[in-house]
C-alpha atoms as a PDB file:
ATOM      1  CA  MET A   1       0.000   0.000   0.000  1.00  0.00           C
ATOM      2  CA  ILE A   2       2.824   2.388   0.813  1.00  0.00           C
ATOM      3  CA  SER A   3       4.485   1.754  -2.545  1.00  0.00           C
ATOM      4  CA  ASP A   4       1.238   2.615  -4.343  1.00  0.00           C
ATOM      5  CA  ILE A   5       1.002   5.904  -2.447  1.00  0.00           C
ATOM      6  CA  VAL A   6       4.611   6.733  -3.331  1.00  0.00           C
ATOM      7  CA  ILE A   7       3.922   5.935  -6.994  1.00  0.00           C
ATOM      8  CA  PHE A   8       0.837   8.154  -6.871  1.00  0.00           C
ATOM      9  CA  ALA A   9       2.914  11.008  -5.412  1.00  0.00           C
ATOM     10  CA  PHE A  10       5.507  10.498  -8.155  1.00  0.00           C
ATOM     11  CA  GLY A  11       2.781  10.709 -10.808  1.00  0.00           C
ATOM     12  CA  LEU A  12       1.459  13.912  -9.240  1.00  0.00           C
ATOM     13  CA  GLY A  13       4.987  15.327  -9.242  1.00  0.00           C
ATOM     14  CA  MET A  14       5.335  14.537 -12.925  1.00  0.00           C
ATOM     15  CA  ILE A  15       2.021  16.262 -13.632  1.00  0.00           C
ATOM     16  CA  TRP A  16       2.903  19.323 -11.523  1.00  0.00           C
ATOM     17  CA  TYR A  17       6.453  19.891 -12.744  1.00  0.00           C
ATOM     18  CA  GLY A  18       5.639  18.835 -16.291  1.00  0.00           C
ATOM     19  CA  GLY A  19       2.773  21.342 -16.279  1.00  0.00           C
ATOM     20  CA  ASN A  20       5.165  24.030 -15.080  1.00  0.00           C
ATOM     21  CA  LEU A  21       7.545  23.209 -17.931  1.00  0.00           C
ATOM     22  CA  VAL A  22       4.674  23.320 -20.411  1.00  0.00           C
ATOM     23  CA  THR A  23       3.584  26.775 -19.217  1.00  0.00           C
ATOM     24  CA  LEU A  24       7.174  28.079 -19.222  1.00  0.00           C
ATOM     25  CA  THR A  25       7.810  26.960 -22.806  1.00  0.00           C
ATOM     26  CA  TRP A  26       4.369  27.709 -24.228  1.00  0.00           C
ATOM     27  CA  ASN A  27       5.479  30.931 -25.955  1.00  0.00           C
ATOM     28  CA  THR A  28       8.657  29.507 -27.469  1.00  0.00           C
ATOM     29  CA  THR A  29       8.705  28.044 -30.947  1.00  0.00           C
ATOM     30  CA  LEU A  30      10.682  25.027 -32.080  1.00  0.00           C
ATOM     31  CA  PRO A  31      12.553  26.391 -35.118  1.00  0.00           C
ATOM     32  CA  ALA A  32      12.577  23.242 -37.225  1.00  0.00           C
ATOM     33  CA  LEU A  33       8.914  22.379 -36.699  1.00  0.00           C
ATOM     34  CA  GLY A  34       7.347  25.772 -36.069  1.00  0.00           C
ATOM     35  CA  ILE A  35       5.245  24.472 -33.172  1.00  0.00           C
ATOM     36  CA  SER A  36       5.132  25.487 -29.533  1.00  0.00           C
ATOM     37  CA  GLY A  37       7.954  24.319 -27.291  1.00  0.00           C
ATOM     38  CA  ALA A  38       5.342  23.085 -24.828  1.00  0.00           C
ATOM     39  CA  TRP A  39       4.890  19.971 -26.964  1.00  0.00           C
ATOM     40  CA  ASP A  40       8.315  18.820 -25.791  1.00  0.00           C
ATOM     41  CA  TYR A  41       7.005  18.475 -22.242  1.00  0.00           C
ATOM     42  CA  ALA A  42       3.395  17.452 -22.874  1.00  0.00           C
ATOM     43  CA  PRO A  43       4.273  13.711 -22.747  1.00  0.00           C
ATOM     44  CA  LEU A  44       5.640  14.278 -19.243  1.00  0.00           C
ATOM     45  CA  VAL A  45       2.212  15.448 -18.107  1.00  0.00           C
ATOM     46  CA  GLY A  46       0.469  12.601 -19.923  1.00  0.00           C
ATOM     47  CA  GLY A  47       2.811  10.007 -18.444  1.00  0.00           C
ATOM     48  CA  GLY A  48       2.311  11.419 -14.968  1.00  0.00           C
ATOM     49  CA  LEU A  49      -1.438  11.245 -15.455  1.00  0.00           C
ATOM     50  CA  LEU A  50      -1.258   7.585 -16.496  1.00  0.00           C
ATOM     51  CA  ILE A  51       1.010   6.708 -13.558  1.00  0.00           C
ATOM     52  CA  ALA A  52      -1.322   8.468 -11.124  1.00  0.00           C
ATOM     53  CA  LEU A  53      -4.370   6.682 -12.559  1.00  0.00           C
ATOM     54  CA  PHE A  54      -2.612   3.315 -12.383  1.00  0.00           C
ATOM     55  CA  SER A  55      -1.678   3.803  -8.742  1.00  0.00           C
ATOM     56  CA  LEU A  56      -5.155   5.108  -7.860  1.00  0.00           C
ATOM     57  CA  GLU A  57      -6.646   1.950  -9.330  1.00  0.00           C
ATOM     58  CA  ARG A  58      -4.341  -0.220  -7.231  1.00  0.00           C
ATOM     59  CA  ILE A  59      -5.131   1.787  -4.091  1.00  0.00           C
ATOM     60  CA  ALA A  60      -8.875   1.436  -4.729  1.00  0.00           C
ATOM     61  CA  VAL A  61      -8.632  -2.310  -5.393  1.00  0.00           C
ATOM     62  CA  ARG A  62      -6.571  -2.815  -2.231  1.00  0.00           C
ATOM     63  CA  ALA A  63      -9.077  -0.735  -0.237  1.00  0.00           C
ATOM     64  CA  LEU A  64     -11.857  -3.058  -1.433  1.00  0.00           C
ATOM     65  CA  GLY A  65      -9.888  -6.008  -0.077  1.00  0.00           C
ATOM     66  CA  ALA A  66      -8.988  -7.728  -3.335  1.00  0.00           C
ATOM     67  CA  PRO A  67      -5.695  -9.660  -3.266  1.00  0.00           C
ATOM     68  CA  ILE A  68      -3.591  -7.879  -5.868  1.00  0.00           C
ATOM     69  CA  ASP A  69      -0.170  -9.423  -5.410  1.00  0.00           C
ATOM     70  CA  ASP A  70      -1.258 -12.830  -4.078  1.00  0.00           C
ATOM     71  CA  ALA A  71      -1.933 -14.110  -7.587  1.00  0.00           C
ATOM     72  CA  LEU A  72       1.547 -13.073  -8.686  1.00  0.00           C
ATOM     73  CA  ASP A  73       3.441 -14.757  -5.856  1.00  0.00           C
ATOM     74  CA  GLY A  74       3.360 -18.165  -7.543  1.00  0.00           C
ATOM     75  CA  VAL A  75       4.225 -16.851 -11.001  1.00  0.00           C
ATOM     76  CA  LEU A  76       7.822 -16.727 -12.119  1.00  0.00           C
ATOM     77  CA  PRO A  77       9.139 -13.780 -14.111  1.00  0.00           C
ATOM     78  CA  THR A  78       9.109 -14.382 -17.842  1.00  0.00           C
ATOM     79  CA  GLU A  79      12.871 -14.677 -18.216  1.00  0.00           C
ATOM     80  CA  VAL A  80      13.205 -17.226 -15.431  1.00  0.00           C
ATOM     81  CA  ALA A  81      10.210 -19.197 -16.687  1.00  0.00           C
ATOM     82  CA  VAL A  82      11.716 -19.395 -20.180  1.00  0.00           C
ATOM     83  CA  GLU A  83      15.043 -20.582 -18.780  1.00  0.00           C
ATOM     84  CA  LEU A  84      13.374 -23.173 -16.576  1.00  0.00           C
ATOM     85  CA  GLU A  85      11.349 -24.490 -19.500  1.00  0.00           C
ATOM     86  CA  SER A  86      14.418 -24.827 -21.686  1.00  0.00           C
ATOM     87  CA  ILE A  87      16.608 -26.725 -19.175  1.00  0.00           C
ATOM     88  CA  PRO A  88      14.915 -30.158 -19.377  1.00  0.00           C
ATOM     89  CA  ARG A  89      14.592 -29.882 -23.124  1.00  0.00           C
ATOM     90  CA  HIS A  90      18.325 -29.266 -23.601  1.00  0.00           C
ATOM     91  CA  SER A  91      19.394 -32.000 -21.205  1.00  0.00           C
ATOM     92  CA  LYS A  92      17.027 -34.439 -22.944  1.00  0.00           C
ATOM     93  CA  ARG A  93      18.413 -33.411 -26.307  1.00  0.00           C
ATOM     94  CA  ARG A  94      21.992 -33.982 -25.129  1.00  0.00           C
ATOM     95  CA  ARG A  95      21.052 -37.516 -24.106  1.00  0.00           C
ATOM     96  CA  GLN A  96      19.543 -38.124 -27.529  1.00  0.00           C
ATOM     97  CA  LEU A  97      22.651 -36.817 -29.316  1.00  0.00           C
ATOM     98  CA  ARG A  98      25.024 -38.884 -27.197  1.00  0.00           C
ATOM     99  CA  PRO A  99      26.170 -42.121 -28.892  1.00  0.00           C
ATOM    100  CA  LYS A 100      24.387 -45.223 -27.540  1.00  0.00           C
ATOM    101  CA  GLY A 101      27.631 -47.027 -26.729  1.00  0.00           C
ATOM    102  CA  ARG A 102      28.573 -44.542 -24.029  1.00  0.00           C
END
């Protein structure tokens, strides 16, 4: 729960400071494109908004009592799962490639 609150605060910080950068650069013009310099920092505000919404959803789901991370405890990360799946296959293949006399 604490990590979700910290992530929410980070998203709010991105929105706040990104908005400040947008307002500071609104009157400048990018010479090559001829558009406002605020467009450079608009994705910062959008990303902060998405991060804040994501963390708000997790906070709300946790407040309702749903187990968010319990379902993930038994799941291995993708990279580890791929490596674990490939180990028996390779060892089986080595046995098949080994000459029968040995």
